[in-house]
Amino acid sequence: MRIIGGKFKGLRLASVGRGDAAAHLRPTSDRVRENIFNILLGGAYEDPVSGANVLDMFAGTGAMGLEALSRGAGRVTFMDNGGPALDLIRRNIGLCAVRPCCDVVRRDATRPHRTGGGPFDLIFLDPPYGKAMGARALEVARDADILAPGAIIVLEEGAVQPVMPGFGSLDQRKYGGTIVHILRFGSQARVVPTTGGHTV
C-alpha cells in the first residue's frame, strides 16, 4: 500500500497484509484509490481536494486522507473506532510527517457526535459493507451540521446505495466488489459524464 500521487507519491504506508477482519480493516486498494482521485481531479469538479478540510470516516489505515494531503488538502480529521486502525493511522501519519495538519478521533461514526474541526469540505467513508453504516454515518454528520455546503462525499460500499435526503448523486463507479458513490451535500441529484472505470 502506497501513496499514489502528489508530494508523497510512492511513499509506502504501514501494511495490514490482507486486512484485519476482526477490526474491520479492509484497506481501499491502490487501484481504487487512484481511480477515486482521478475522478475527483479529472475536471468534472472544481478541484474538491486542494485546500480542503477533509474528514476520513471509518479511516482504517488513513490512506484516503493521507492521499488527499499528498494532493494538496489543507487538513484531515481521521475517525475510527478500532484500536488497530488508530495505531495504523498514527504510524502512517508519522511516515508522511504530517502530524501538524492531522487530527485523530476515536469515535463510532454511526452514533450522534459533533466532531471538532468542521465544517468539512471533502468526506471519505469506507465502512464495513452491507451494514448500512455509511448511510447512517452520513445521516449523523448531516444532522450534526459538520458538513460544509456543497461538500463532496466519497462513499465506498458493496452495493448501490439509495441517495439520502440532503445529498445529490454525482457519480457511481464499480470496481470489482466495490461501488464508489460520489455525492454532493445540499444539491439535487444529477449525473456527470464518466471519466474511467466501470459505470454502475
N, C-alpha and C. Protein backbone atom coordinates (compact mmCIF):
# COMPACT_ATOMS: atom_id res chain seq x y z
N MET A 1 0.86 -1.19 0.00
CA MET A 1 0.00 0.00 0.00
C MET A 1 0.89 1.24 0.00
N ARG A 2 0.60 2.16 -0.91
CA ARG A 2 1.46 3.33 -1.06
C ARG A 2 0.61 4.54 -1.43
N ILE A 3 1.22 5.71 -1.32
CA ILE A 3 0.58 6.94 -1.79
C ILE A 3 0.74 6.98 -3.31
N ILE A 4 -0.37 7.26 -4.00
CA ILE A 4 -0.40 7.15 -5.46
C ILE A 4 0.08 8.41 -6.16
N GLY A 5 -0.25 9.59 -5.63
CA GLY A 5 0.11 10.82 -6.33
C GLY A 5 0.39 11.95 -5.38
N GLY A 6 0.87 13.06 -5.93
CA GLY A 6 1.15 14.23 -5.12
C GLY A 6 2.54 14.23 -4.53
N LYS A 7 2.75 15.05 -3.50
CA LYS A 7 4.11 15.24 -2.99
C LYS A 7 4.66 14.03 -2.26
N PHE A 8 3.79 13.10 -1.82
CA PHE A 8 4.28 11.88 -1.16
C PHE A 8 4.22 10.68 -2.09
N LYS A 9 4.09 10.92 -3.38
CA LYS A 9 3.92 9.83 -4.34
C LYS A 9 4.99 8.75 -4.16
N GLY A 10 4.53 7.50 -4.09
CA GLY A 10 5.43 6.37 -3.97
C GLY A 10 5.76 5.98 -2.54
N LEU A 11 5.40 6.81 -1.57
CA LEU A 11 5.69 6.50 -0.17
C LEU A 11 4.91 5.27 0.26
N ARG A 12 5.59 4.30 0.82
CA ARG A 12 4.92 3.08 1.29
C ARG A 12 4.39 3.29 2.69
N LEU A 13 3.14 2.89 2.87
CA LEU A 13 2.49 3.02 4.16
C LEU A 13 2.58 1.70 4.93
N ALA A 14 2.30 1.75 6.22
CA ALA A 14 2.34 0.55 7.05
C ALA A 14 1.34 -0.47 6.51
N SER A 15 1.77 -1.71 6.41
CA SER A 15 0.95 -2.74 5.79
C SER A 15 0.06 -3.44 6.81
N VAL A 16 -1.14 -3.82 6.36
CA VAL A 16 -2.02 -4.66 7.17
C VAL A 16 -2.21 -6.01 6.49
N GLY A 17 -1.35 -6.33 5.53
CA GLY A 17 -1.47 -7.60 4.83
C GLY A 17 -2.78 -7.67 4.08
N ARG A 18 -3.55 -8.69 4.36
CA ARG A 18 -4.86 -8.85 3.71
C ARG A 18 -5.97 -8.17 4.49
N GLY A 19 -5.59 -7.47 5.52
CA GLY A 19 -6.59 -6.78 6.33
C GLY A 19 -6.82 -7.49 7.64
N ASP A 20 -7.59 -6.91 8.48
CA ASP A 20 -7.89 -7.44 9.81
C ASP A 20 -9.40 -7.48 9.94
N ALA A 21 -9.98 -8.67 9.68
CA ALA A 21 -11.45 -8.78 9.66
C ALA A 21 -12.05 -8.41 11.01
N ALA A 22 -11.41 -8.84 12.09
CA ALA A 22 -11.95 -8.56 13.42
C ALA A 22 -12.01 -7.06 13.69
N ALA A 23 -11.05 -6.32 13.14
CA ALA A 23 -11.02 -4.87 13.34
C ALA A 23 -11.68 -4.13 12.19
N HIS A 24 -12.30 -4.88 11.25
CA HIS A 24 -12.96 -4.29 10.08
C HIS A 24 -11.96 -3.48 9.23
N LEU A 25 -10.71 -3.93 9.19
CA LEU A 25 -9.72 -3.26 8.35
C LEU A 25 -9.71 -3.92 6.98
N ARG A 26 -10.15 -3.18 5.99
CA ARG A 26 -10.17 -3.65 4.61
C ARG A 26 -9.72 -2.47 3.77
N PRO A 27 -8.41 -2.27 3.66
CA PRO A 27 -7.93 -1.05 3.00
C PRO A 27 -8.41 -0.94 1.56
N THR A 28 -8.74 0.28 1.15
CA THR A 28 -9.03 0.54 -0.25
C THR A 28 -7.78 0.24 -1.06
N SER A 29 -7.93 -0.54 -2.13
CA SER A 29 -6.76 -0.90 -2.92
C SER A 29 -6.15 0.33 -3.58
N ASP A 30 -4.86 0.23 -3.90
CA ASP A 30 -4.20 1.33 -4.58
C ASP A 30 -4.93 1.70 -5.87
N ARG A 31 -5.40 0.67 -6.60
CA ARG A 31 -6.06 0.93 -7.88
C ARG A 31 -7.35 1.71 -7.70
N VAL A 32 -8.16 1.30 -6.72
CA VAL A 32 -9.43 2.00 -6.49
C VAL A 32 -9.16 3.41 -6.00
N ARG A 33 -8.18 3.55 -5.09
CA ARG A 33 -7.85 4.89 -4.58
C ARG A 33 -7.38 5.80 -5.71
N GLU A 34 -6.56 5.26 -6.60
CA GLU A 34 -6.10 6.05 -7.73
C GLU A 34 -7.26 6.49 -8.60
N ASN A 35 -8.20 5.59 -8.85
CA ASN A 35 -9.36 5.93 -9.68
C ASN A 35 -10.23 6.98 -9.02
N ILE A 36 -10.40 6.88 -7.70
CA ILE A 36 -11.21 7.88 -6.99
C ILE A 36 -10.61 9.27 -7.18
N PHE A 37 -9.31 9.39 -6.99
CA PHE A 37 -8.70 10.72 -7.12
C PHE A 37 -8.63 11.17 -8.57
N ASN A 38 -8.55 10.24 -9.50
CA ASN A 38 -8.62 10.62 -10.91
C ASN A 38 -9.99 11.23 -11.23
N ILE A 39 -11.05 10.65 -10.64
CA ILE A 39 -12.39 11.20 -10.84
C ILE A 39 -12.50 12.59 -10.22
N LEU A 40 -12.06 12.70 -8.95
CA LEU A 40 -12.19 13.97 -8.24
C LEU A 40 -11.41 15.09 -8.91
N LEU A 41 -10.26 14.75 -9.48
CA LEU A 41 -9.38 15.77 -10.05
C LEU A 41 -9.38 15.76 -11.57
N GLY A 42 -10.34 15.04 -12.16
CA GLY A 42 -10.33 14.87 -13.61
C GLY A 42 -11.01 15.96 -14.40
N GLY A 43 -11.47 17.02 -13.72
CA GLY A 43 -12.04 18.14 -14.46
C GLY A 43 -13.54 18.27 -14.37
N ALA A 44 -14.23 17.21 -13.86
CA ALA A 44 -15.68 17.29 -13.76
C ALA A 44 -16.12 18.14 -12.57
N TYR A 45 -15.22 18.31 -11.60
CA TYR A 45 -15.50 19.10 -10.40
C TYR A 45 -14.50 20.24 -10.31
N GLU A 46 -14.79 21.20 -9.46
CA GLU A 46 -13.88 22.33 -9.27
C GLU A 46 -12.86 21.97 -8.19
N ASP A 47 -11.99 21.02 -8.46
CA ASP A 47 -10.92 20.57 -7.57
C ASP A 47 -11.36 20.59 -6.10
N PRO A 48 -12.05 19.52 -5.66
CA PRO A 48 -12.52 19.49 -4.28
C PRO A 48 -11.44 19.13 -3.27
N VAL A 49 -10.19 18.93 -3.73
CA VAL A 49 -9.13 18.45 -2.84
C VAL A 49 -8.23 19.59 -2.34
N SER A 50 -7.75 20.44 -3.23
CA SER A 50 -6.78 21.48 -2.86
C SER A 50 -7.34 22.39 -1.77
N GLY A 51 -6.62 22.46 -0.65
CA GLY A 51 -7.01 23.32 0.46
C GLY A 51 -8.18 22.82 1.27
N ALA A 52 -8.70 21.63 0.95
CA ALA A 52 -9.92 21.14 1.60
C ALA A 52 -9.69 20.76 3.05
N ASN A 53 -10.75 20.93 3.83
CA ASN A 53 -10.80 20.39 5.19
C ASN A 53 -11.50 19.04 5.06
N VAL A 54 -10.76 17.96 5.33
CA VAL A 54 -11.19 16.60 4.98
C VAL A 54 -11.56 15.82 6.24
N LEU A 55 -12.62 15.03 6.13
CA LEU A 55 -13.00 14.08 7.17
C LEU A 55 -12.91 12.68 6.58
N ASP A 56 -12.05 11.84 7.15
CA ASP A 56 -11.88 10.46 6.72
C ASP A 56 -12.55 9.58 7.77
N MET A 57 -13.80 9.16 7.48
CA MET A 57 -14.58 8.35 8.43
C MET A 57 -14.35 6.87 8.14
N PHE A 58 -14.41 6.03 9.18
CA PHE A 58 -14.03 4.62 9.05
C PHE A 58 -12.64 4.59 8.42
N ALA A 59 -11.73 5.38 8.96
CA ALA A 59 -10.48 5.70 8.27
C ALA A 59 -9.55 4.51 8.06
N GLY A 60 -9.66 3.48 8.89
CA GLY A 60 -8.85 2.28 8.67
C GLY A 60 -7.37 2.54 8.80
N THR A 61 -6.68 2.58 7.69
CA THR A 61 -5.24 2.87 7.67
C THR A 61 -4.95 4.35 7.53
N GLY A 62 -5.98 5.13 7.16
CA GLY A 62 -5.78 6.56 6.92
C GLY A 62 -5.32 6.88 5.51
N ALA A 63 -5.27 5.87 4.65
CA ALA A 63 -4.70 6.07 3.31
C ALA A 63 -5.46 7.10 2.48
N MET A 64 -6.79 7.13 2.60
CA MET A 64 -7.55 8.09 1.79
C MET A 64 -7.25 9.52 2.22
N GLY A 65 -7.28 9.77 3.52
CA GLY A 65 -6.97 11.11 4.00
C GLY A 65 -5.55 11.53 3.70
N LEU A 66 -4.61 10.60 3.82
CA LEU A 66 -3.22 10.93 3.53
C LEU A 66 -3.00 11.17 2.04
N GLU A 67 -3.72 10.44 1.21
CA GLU A 67 -3.66 10.70 -0.23
C GLU A 67 -4.15 12.11 -0.54
N ALA A 68 -5.21 12.52 0.16
CA ALA A 68 -5.73 13.88 -0.03
C ALA A 68 -4.71 14.92 0.40
N LEU A 69 -4.04 14.69 1.53
CA LEU A 69 -2.99 15.62 1.97
C LEU A 69 -1.86 15.68 0.96
N SER A 70 -1.49 14.53 0.43
CA SER A 70 -0.42 14.49 -0.58
C SER A 70 -0.76 15.33 -1.79
N ARG A 71 -2.07 15.42 -2.09
CA ARG A 71 -2.52 16.14 -3.29
C ARG A 71 -3.02 17.55 -2.98
N GLY A 72 -2.70 18.05 -1.79
CA GLY A 72 -2.95 19.46 -1.53
C GLY A 72 -4.04 19.81 -0.56
N ALA A 73 -4.67 18.81 0.08
CA ALA A 73 -5.69 19.12 1.09
C ALA A 73 -5.05 19.90 2.24
N GLY A 74 -5.85 20.72 2.92
CA GLY A 74 -5.32 21.56 3.98
C GLY A 74 -5.20 20.86 5.31
N ARG A 75 -6.20 20.06 5.66
CA ARG A 75 -6.22 19.39 6.97
C ARG A 75 -7.12 18.16 6.88
N VAL A 76 -6.79 17.13 7.67
CA VAL A 76 -7.58 15.91 7.68
C VAL A 76 -7.88 15.50 9.12
N THR A 77 -9.14 15.17 9.37
CA THR A 77 -9.55 14.54 10.61
C THR A 77 -9.83 13.07 10.31
N PHE A 78 -9.11 12.18 10.98
CA PHE A 78 -9.28 10.73 10.80
C PHE A 78 -10.17 10.21 11.92
N MET A 79 -11.25 9.52 11.56
CA MET A 79 -12.18 9.00 12.55
C MET A 79 -12.28 7.48 12.41
N ASP A 80 -12.06 6.79 13.51
CA ASP A 80 -12.24 5.34 13.53
C ASP A 80 -12.52 4.93 14.97
N ASN A 81 -13.09 3.73 15.12
CA ASN A 81 -13.45 3.27 16.46
C ASN A 81 -12.62 2.06 16.89
N GLY A 82 -11.64 1.69 16.07
CA GLY A 82 -10.86 0.49 16.37
C GLY A 82 -9.44 0.80 16.78
N GLY A 83 -8.97 0.13 17.82
CA GLY A 83 -7.60 0.33 18.27
C GLY A 83 -6.56 0.02 17.22
N PRO A 84 -6.64 -1.14 16.52
CA PRO A 84 -5.65 -1.45 15.48
C PRO A 84 -5.62 -0.39 14.38
N ALA A 85 -6.82 0.10 13.99
CA ALA A 85 -6.89 1.13 12.95
C ALA A 85 -6.23 2.42 13.42
N LEU A 86 -6.52 2.83 14.64
CA LEU A 86 -5.96 4.08 15.15
C LEU A 86 -4.44 4.00 15.24
N ASP A 87 -3.92 2.82 15.62
CA ASP A 87 -2.46 2.64 15.65
C ASP A 87 -1.87 2.79 14.26
N LEU A 88 -2.53 2.19 13.25
CA LEU A 88 -2.05 2.28 11.88
C LEU A 88 -2.11 3.71 11.37
N ILE A 89 -3.19 4.40 11.67
CA ILE A 89 -3.33 5.79 11.23
C ILE A 89 -2.19 6.63 11.78
N ARG A 90 -1.91 6.48 13.06
CA ARG A 90 -0.84 7.28 13.67
C ARG A 90 0.52 6.91 13.08
N ARG A 91 0.75 5.64 12.81
CA ARG A 91 2.02 5.24 12.17
C ARG A 91 2.15 5.86 10.79
N ASN A 92 1.06 5.84 10.03
CA ASN A 92 1.11 6.37 8.67
C ASN A 92 1.23 7.89 8.64
N ILE A 93 0.61 8.55 9.59
CA ILE A 93 0.80 10.00 9.72
C ILE A 93 2.27 10.30 9.98
N GLY A 94 2.88 9.49 10.83
CA GLY A 94 4.30 9.68 11.12
C GLY A 94 5.18 9.44 9.90
N LEU A 95 4.85 8.42 9.11
CA LEU A 95 5.62 8.13 7.90
C LEU A 95 5.56 9.30 6.91
N CYS A 96 4.41 9.96 6.86
CA CYS A 96 4.24 11.09 5.95
C CYS A 96 4.71 12.41 6.57
N ALA A 97 5.02 12.38 7.87
CA ALA A 97 5.48 13.58 8.59
C ALA A 97 4.50 14.74 8.44
N VAL A 98 3.21 14.46 8.72
CA VAL A 98 2.17 15.49 8.57
C VAL A 98 1.35 15.68 9.85
N ARG A 99 1.94 15.38 10.98
CA ARG A 99 1.20 15.47 12.25
C ARG A 99 0.55 16.84 12.48
N PRO A 100 1.19 17.95 12.14
CA PRO A 100 0.58 19.26 12.44
C PRO A 100 -0.75 19.51 11.73
N CYS A 101 -1.01 18.81 10.62
CA CYS A 101 -2.26 19.07 9.90
C CYS A 101 -3.21 17.88 9.98
N CYS A 102 -3.07 17.07 11.04
CA CYS A 102 -3.94 15.91 11.21
C CYS A 102 -4.53 15.86 12.61
N ASP A 103 -5.76 15.40 12.69
CA ASP A 103 -6.41 15.09 13.96
C ASP A 103 -6.90 13.66 13.88
N VAL A 104 -6.72 12.90 14.97
CA VAL A 104 -7.16 11.52 15.03
C VAL A 104 -8.20 11.41 16.13
N VAL A 105 -9.39 10.93 15.75
CA VAL A 105 -10.52 10.89 16.68
C VAL A 105 -11.02 9.46 16.80
N ARG A 106 -11.09 8.96 18.04
CA ARG A 106 -11.68 7.63 18.26
C ARG A 106 -13.18 7.80 18.50
N ARG A 107 -13.96 7.37 17.52
CA ARG A 107 -15.41 7.58 17.63
C ARG A 107 -16.14 6.65 16.69
N ASP A 108 -17.30 6.19 17.11
CA ASP A 108 -18.20 5.43 16.26
C ASP A 108 -18.95 6.43 15.39
N ALA A 109 -18.67 6.40 14.10
CA ALA A 109 -19.24 7.40 13.19
C ALA A 109 -20.74 7.28 13.05
N THR A 110 -21.31 6.15 13.46
CA THR A 110 -22.76 5.96 13.31
C THR A 110 -23.55 6.46 14.52
N ARG A 111 -22.86 6.93 15.55
CA ARG A 111 -23.54 7.45 16.74
C ARG A 111 -23.49 8.97 16.75
N PRO A 112 -24.50 9.62 17.27
CA PRO A 112 -24.51 11.09 17.27
C PRO A 112 -23.24 11.68 17.88
N HIS A 113 -22.71 12.68 17.22
CA HIS A 113 -21.49 13.33 17.68
C HIS A 113 -21.40 14.71 17.06
N ARG A 114 -20.53 15.53 17.60
CA ARG A 114 -20.19 16.82 16.99
C ARG A 114 -18.67 16.88 16.93
N THR A 115 -18.12 16.32 15.88
CA THR A 115 -16.68 16.27 15.73
C THR A 115 -16.12 17.67 15.52
N GLY A 116 -15.12 18.03 16.31
CA GLY A 116 -14.47 19.33 16.13
C GLY A 116 -13.72 19.39 14.82
N GLY A 117 -13.40 20.58 14.40
CA GLY A 117 -12.61 20.74 13.18
C GLY A 117 -13.41 21.00 11.93
N GLY A 118 -14.74 20.90 12.02
CA GLY A 118 -15.57 21.15 10.85
C GLY A 118 -15.80 22.64 10.65
N PRO A 119 -16.56 23.01 9.61
CA PRO A 119 -17.21 22.11 8.67
C PRO A 119 -16.21 21.51 7.68
N PHE A 120 -16.58 20.32 7.16
CA PHE A 120 -15.69 19.58 6.27
C PHE A 120 -16.14 19.72 4.82
N ASP A 121 -15.16 19.89 3.94
CA ASP A 121 -15.42 20.10 2.51
C ASP A 121 -15.42 18.80 1.72
N LEU A 122 -14.66 17.81 2.19
CA LEU A 122 -14.48 16.55 1.47
C LEU A 122 -14.51 15.43 2.50
N ILE A 123 -15.38 14.45 2.27
CA ILE A 123 -15.58 13.37 3.24
C ILE A 123 -15.41 12.03 2.54
N PHE A 124 -14.60 11.17 3.15
CA PHE A 124 -14.42 9.81 2.67
C PHE A 124 -15.05 8.85 3.67
N LEU A 125 -15.79 7.87 3.17
CA LEU A 125 -16.36 6.83 4.02
C LEU A 125 -16.11 5.47 3.39
N ASP A 126 -15.49 4.57 4.15
CA ASP A 126 -15.27 3.20 3.70
C ASP A 126 -15.68 2.26 4.83
N PRO A 127 -17.00 2.16 5.08
CA PRO A 127 -17.49 1.35 6.20
C PRO A 127 -17.48 -0.14 5.87
N PRO A 128 -17.68 -0.99 6.88
CA PRO A 128 -17.92 -2.41 6.59
C PRO A 128 -19.12 -2.53 5.64
N TYR A 129 -18.97 -3.35 4.62
CA TYR A 129 -20.00 -3.45 3.59
C TYR A 129 -21.25 -4.16 4.11
N GLY A 130 -22.39 -3.77 3.54
CA GLY A 130 -23.64 -4.48 3.76
C GLY A 130 -24.31 -4.24 5.09
N LYS A 131 -23.89 -3.23 5.84
CA LYS A 131 -24.47 -2.97 7.15
C LYS A 131 -25.17 -1.61 7.24
N ALA A 132 -25.24 -0.90 6.12
CA ALA A 132 -25.87 0.43 6.07
C ALA A 132 -25.19 1.43 7.00
N MET A 133 -23.94 1.17 7.36
CA MET A 133 -23.24 2.05 8.29
C MET A 133 -22.82 3.36 7.63
N GLY A 134 -22.50 3.31 6.34
CA GLY A 134 -22.13 4.53 5.64
C GLY A 134 -23.28 5.52 5.59
N ALA A 135 -24.47 5.02 5.24
CA ALA A 135 -25.65 5.88 5.19
C ALA A 135 -25.96 6.45 6.57
N ARG A 136 -25.83 5.63 7.59
CA ARG A 136 -26.10 6.11 8.95
C ARG A 136 -25.09 7.17 9.36
N ALA A 137 -23.81 6.96 9.03
CA ALA A 137 -22.77 7.93 9.38
C ALA A 137 -23.01 9.26 8.67
N LEU A 138 -23.44 9.21 7.41
CA LEU A 138 -23.75 10.44 6.68
C LEU A 138 -24.94 11.16 7.30
N GLU A 139 -25.93 10.40 7.70
CA GLU A 139 -27.10 11.00 8.36
C GLU A 139 -26.69 11.70 9.65
N VAL A 140 -25.83 11.04 10.42
CA VAL A 140 -25.35 11.63 11.68
C VAL A 140 -24.56 12.90 11.40
N ALA A 141 -23.66 12.85 10.40
CA ALA A 141 -22.85 14.03 10.05
C ALA A 141 -23.72 15.17 9.58
N ARG A 142 -24.74 14.86 8.78
CA ARG A 142 -25.66 15.90 8.30
C ARG A 142 -26.39 16.55 9.47
N ASP A 143 -26.90 15.73 10.37
CA ASP A 143 -27.68 16.26 11.49
C ASP A 143 -26.81 17.00 12.50
N ALA A 144 -25.51 16.66 12.55
CA ALA A 144 -24.58 17.34 13.46
C ALA A 144 -24.07 18.65 12.88
N ASP A 145 -24.45 18.95 11.64
CA ASP A 145 -24.08 20.21 11.00
C ASP A 145 -22.57 20.37 10.89
N ILE A 146 -21.88 19.29 10.48
CA ILE A 146 -20.42 19.36 10.32
C ILE A 146 -20.01 19.31 8.85
N LEU A 147 -20.99 19.30 7.94
CA LEU A 147 -20.69 19.27 6.51
C LEU A 147 -20.83 20.67 5.91
N ALA A 148 -19.83 21.09 5.16
CA ALA A 148 -19.90 22.39 4.51
C ALA A 148 -20.92 22.33 3.36
N PRO A 149 -21.60 23.44 3.07
CA PRO A 149 -22.49 23.45 1.91
C PRO A 149 -21.72 23.07 0.64
N GLY A 150 -22.27 22.15 -0.12
CA GLY A 150 -21.61 21.71 -1.34
C GLY A 150 -20.50 20.71 -1.12
N ALA A 151 -20.34 20.20 0.10
CA ALA A 151 -19.27 19.23 0.38
C ALA A 151 -19.39 18.01 -0.54
N ILE A 152 -18.23 17.49 -0.95
CA ILE A 152 -18.17 16.29 -1.77
C ILE A 152 -17.96 15.09 -0.86
N ILE A 153 -18.75 14.04 -1.08
CA ILE A 153 -18.66 12.82 -0.28
C ILE A 153 -18.31 11.66 -1.18
N VAL A 154 -17.34 10.85 -0.75
CA VAL A 154 -16.97 9.63 -1.47
C VAL A 154 -17.29 8.45 -0.56
N LEU A 155 -18.29 7.67 -0.94
CA LEU A 155 -18.73 6.54 -0.14
C LEU A 155 -18.44 5.25 -0.90
N GLU A 156 -17.71 4.34 -0.24
CA GLU A 156 -17.45 3.02 -0.81
C GLU A 156 -18.38 2.02 -0.15
N GLU A 157 -19.02 1.20 -0.97
CA GLU A 157 -19.93 0.17 -0.46
C GLU A 157 -19.86 -1.04 -1.38
N GLY A 158 -20.53 -2.11 -0.94
CA GLY A 158 -20.55 -3.33 -1.73
C GLY A 158 -21.74 -3.43 -2.66
N ALA A 159 -22.66 -2.47 -2.59
CA ALA A 159 -23.85 -2.45 -3.43
C ALA A 159 -24.28 -1.01 -3.65
N VAL A 160 -25.10 -0.79 -4.66
CA VAL A 160 -25.61 0.55 -4.93
C VAL A 160 -26.45 1.02 -3.75
N GLN A 161 -26.23 2.25 -3.31
CA GLN A 161 -26.92 2.80 -2.16
C GLN A 161 -27.95 3.84 -2.61
N PRO A 162 -29.09 3.90 -1.95
CA PRO A 162 -30.07 4.95 -2.26
C PRO A 162 -29.51 6.31 -1.84
N VAL A 163 -29.91 7.35 -2.55
CA VAL A 163 -29.47 8.70 -2.22
C VAL A 163 -30.33 9.22 -1.08
N MET A 164 -29.67 9.70 -0.02
CA MET A 164 -30.38 10.19 1.15
C MET A 164 -30.84 11.62 0.95
N PRO A 165 -31.89 12.03 1.66
CA PRO A 165 -32.32 13.43 1.61
C PRO A 165 -31.18 14.36 2.01
N GLY A 166 -31.02 15.43 1.24
CA GLY A 166 -29.96 16.39 1.52
C GLY A 166 -28.70 16.17 0.71
N PHE A 167 -28.66 15.09 -0.07
CA PHE A 167 -27.48 14.77 -0.86
C PHE A 167 -27.88 14.53 -2.31
N GLY A 168 -27.02 14.94 -3.23
CA GLY A 168 -27.23 14.67 -4.63
C GLY A 168 -26.20 13.68 -5.14
N SER A 169 -26.61 12.79 -6.02
CA SER A 169 -25.70 11.80 -6.60
C SER A 169 -25.00 12.39 -7.82
N LEU A 170 -23.68 12.40 -7.80
CA LEU A 170 -22.90 12.92 -8.92
C LEU A 170 -22.35 11.81 -9.81
N ASP A 171 -22.01 10.68 -9.21
CA ASP A 171 -21.35 9.63 -10.00
C ASP A 171 -21.39 8.32 -9.22
N GLN A 172 -21.34 7.20 -9.95
CA GLN A 172 -21.19 5.88 -9.36
C GLN A 172 -20.26 5.07 -10.24
N ARG A 173 -19.32 4.37 -9.64
CA ARG A 173 -18.40 3.50 -10.38
C ARG A 173 -18.29 2.16 -9.67
N LYS A 174 -18.11 1.11 -10.45
CA LYS A 174 -17.94 -0.23 -9.89
C LYS A 174 -16.54 -0.73 -10.20
N TYR A 175 -15.84 -1.17 -9.16
CA TYR A 175 -14.50 -1.75 -9.29
C TYR A 175 -14.50 -3.07 -8.55
N GLY A 176 -14.69 -4.18 -9.28
CA GLY A 176 -14.79 -5.47 -8.63
C GLY A 176 -15.98 -5.48 -7.68
N GLY A 177 -15.71 -5.80 -6.39
CA GLY A 177 -16.77 -5.85 -5.41
C GLY A 177 -17.02 -4.53 -4.71
N THR A 178 -16.40 -3.46 -5.19
CA THR A 178 -16.56 -2.14 -4.57
C THR A 178 -17.32 -1.21 -5.49
N ILE A 179 -18.32 -0.54 -4.95
CA ILE A 179 -19.02 0.50 -5.69
C ILE A 179 -18.73 1.83 -5.02
N VAL A 180 -18.21 2.76 -5.80
CA VAL A 180 -17.86 4.08 -5.30
C VAL A 180 -18.98 5.05 -5.67
N HIS A 181 -19.56 5.68 -4.66
CA HIS A 181 -20.60 6.69 -4.84
C HIS A 181 -19.99 8.06 -4.57
N ILE A 182 -20.19 8.99 -5.47
CA ILE A 182 -19.75 10.36 -5.24
C ILE A 182 -21.00 11.22 -5.12
N LEU A 183 -21.10 11.90 -3.99
CA LEU A 183 -22.28 12.68 -3.66
C LEU A 183 -21.89 14.12 -3.39
N ARG A 184 -22.87 14.99 -3.47
CA ARG A 184 -22.67 16.38 -3.05
C ARG A 184 -23.73 16.73 -2.01
N PHE A 185 -23.29 17.33 -0.93
CA PHE A 185 -24.21 17.72 0.13
C PHE A 185 -24.97 18.98 -0.26
N GLY A 186 -26.29 18.93 -0.13
CA GLY A 186 -27.12 20.11 -0.38
C GLY A 186 -27.37 20.38 -1.83
N SER A 187 -27.32 19.33 -2.69
CA SER A 187 -27.58 19.55 -4.12
C SER A 187 -28.62 18.58 -4.62
N GLN A 188 -29.21 18.90 -5.75
CA GLN A 188 -30.13 17.99 -6.40
C GLN A 188 -29.34 16.90 -7.11
N ALA A 189 -29.93 15.73 -7.20
CA ALA A 189 -29.26 14.61 -7.86
C ALA A 189 -29.05 14.90 -9.33
N ARG A 190 -27.85 14.59 -9.80
CA ARG A 190 -27.56 14.69 -11.23
C ARG A 190 -26.38 13.76 -11.51
N VAL A 191 -26.14 13.46 -12.76
CA VAL A 191 -25.06 12.56 -13.12
C VAL A 191 -24.10 13.31 -14.02
N VAL A 192 -22.80 13.19 -13.74
CA VAL A 192 -21.79 13.81 -14.59
C VAL A 192 -21.22 12.74 -15.49
N PRO A 193 -20.61 13.13 -16.63
CA PRO A 193 -20.01 12.15 -17.52
C PRO A 193 -18.92 11.35 -16.80
N THR A 194 -18.84 10.07 -17.12
CA THR A 194 -17.82 9.23 -16.51
C THR A 194 -16.46 9.54 -17.10
N THR A 195 -15.41 9.29 -16.29
CA THR A 195 -14.05 9.58 -16.74
C THR A 195 -13.15 8.36 -16.67
N GLY A 196 -13.73 7.19 -16.55
CA GLY A 196 -12.92 5.98 -16.49
C GLY A 196 -13.54 4.99 -15.55
N GLY A 197 -12.96 3.79 -15.49
CA GLY A 197 -13.52 2.75 -14.63
C GLY A 197 -14.79 2.22 -15.23
N HIS A 198 -15.60 1.60 -14.40
CA HIS A 198 -16.84 0.98 -14.87
C HIS A 198 -18.02 1.74 -14.27
N THR A 199 -18.89 2.20 -15.11
CA THR A 199 -20.07 2.93 -14.65
C THR A 199 -21.11 1.95 -14.15
N VAL A 200 -21.70 2.24 -13.01
CA VAL A 200 -22.77 1.39 -12.50
C VAL A 200 -24.08 1.77 -13.19
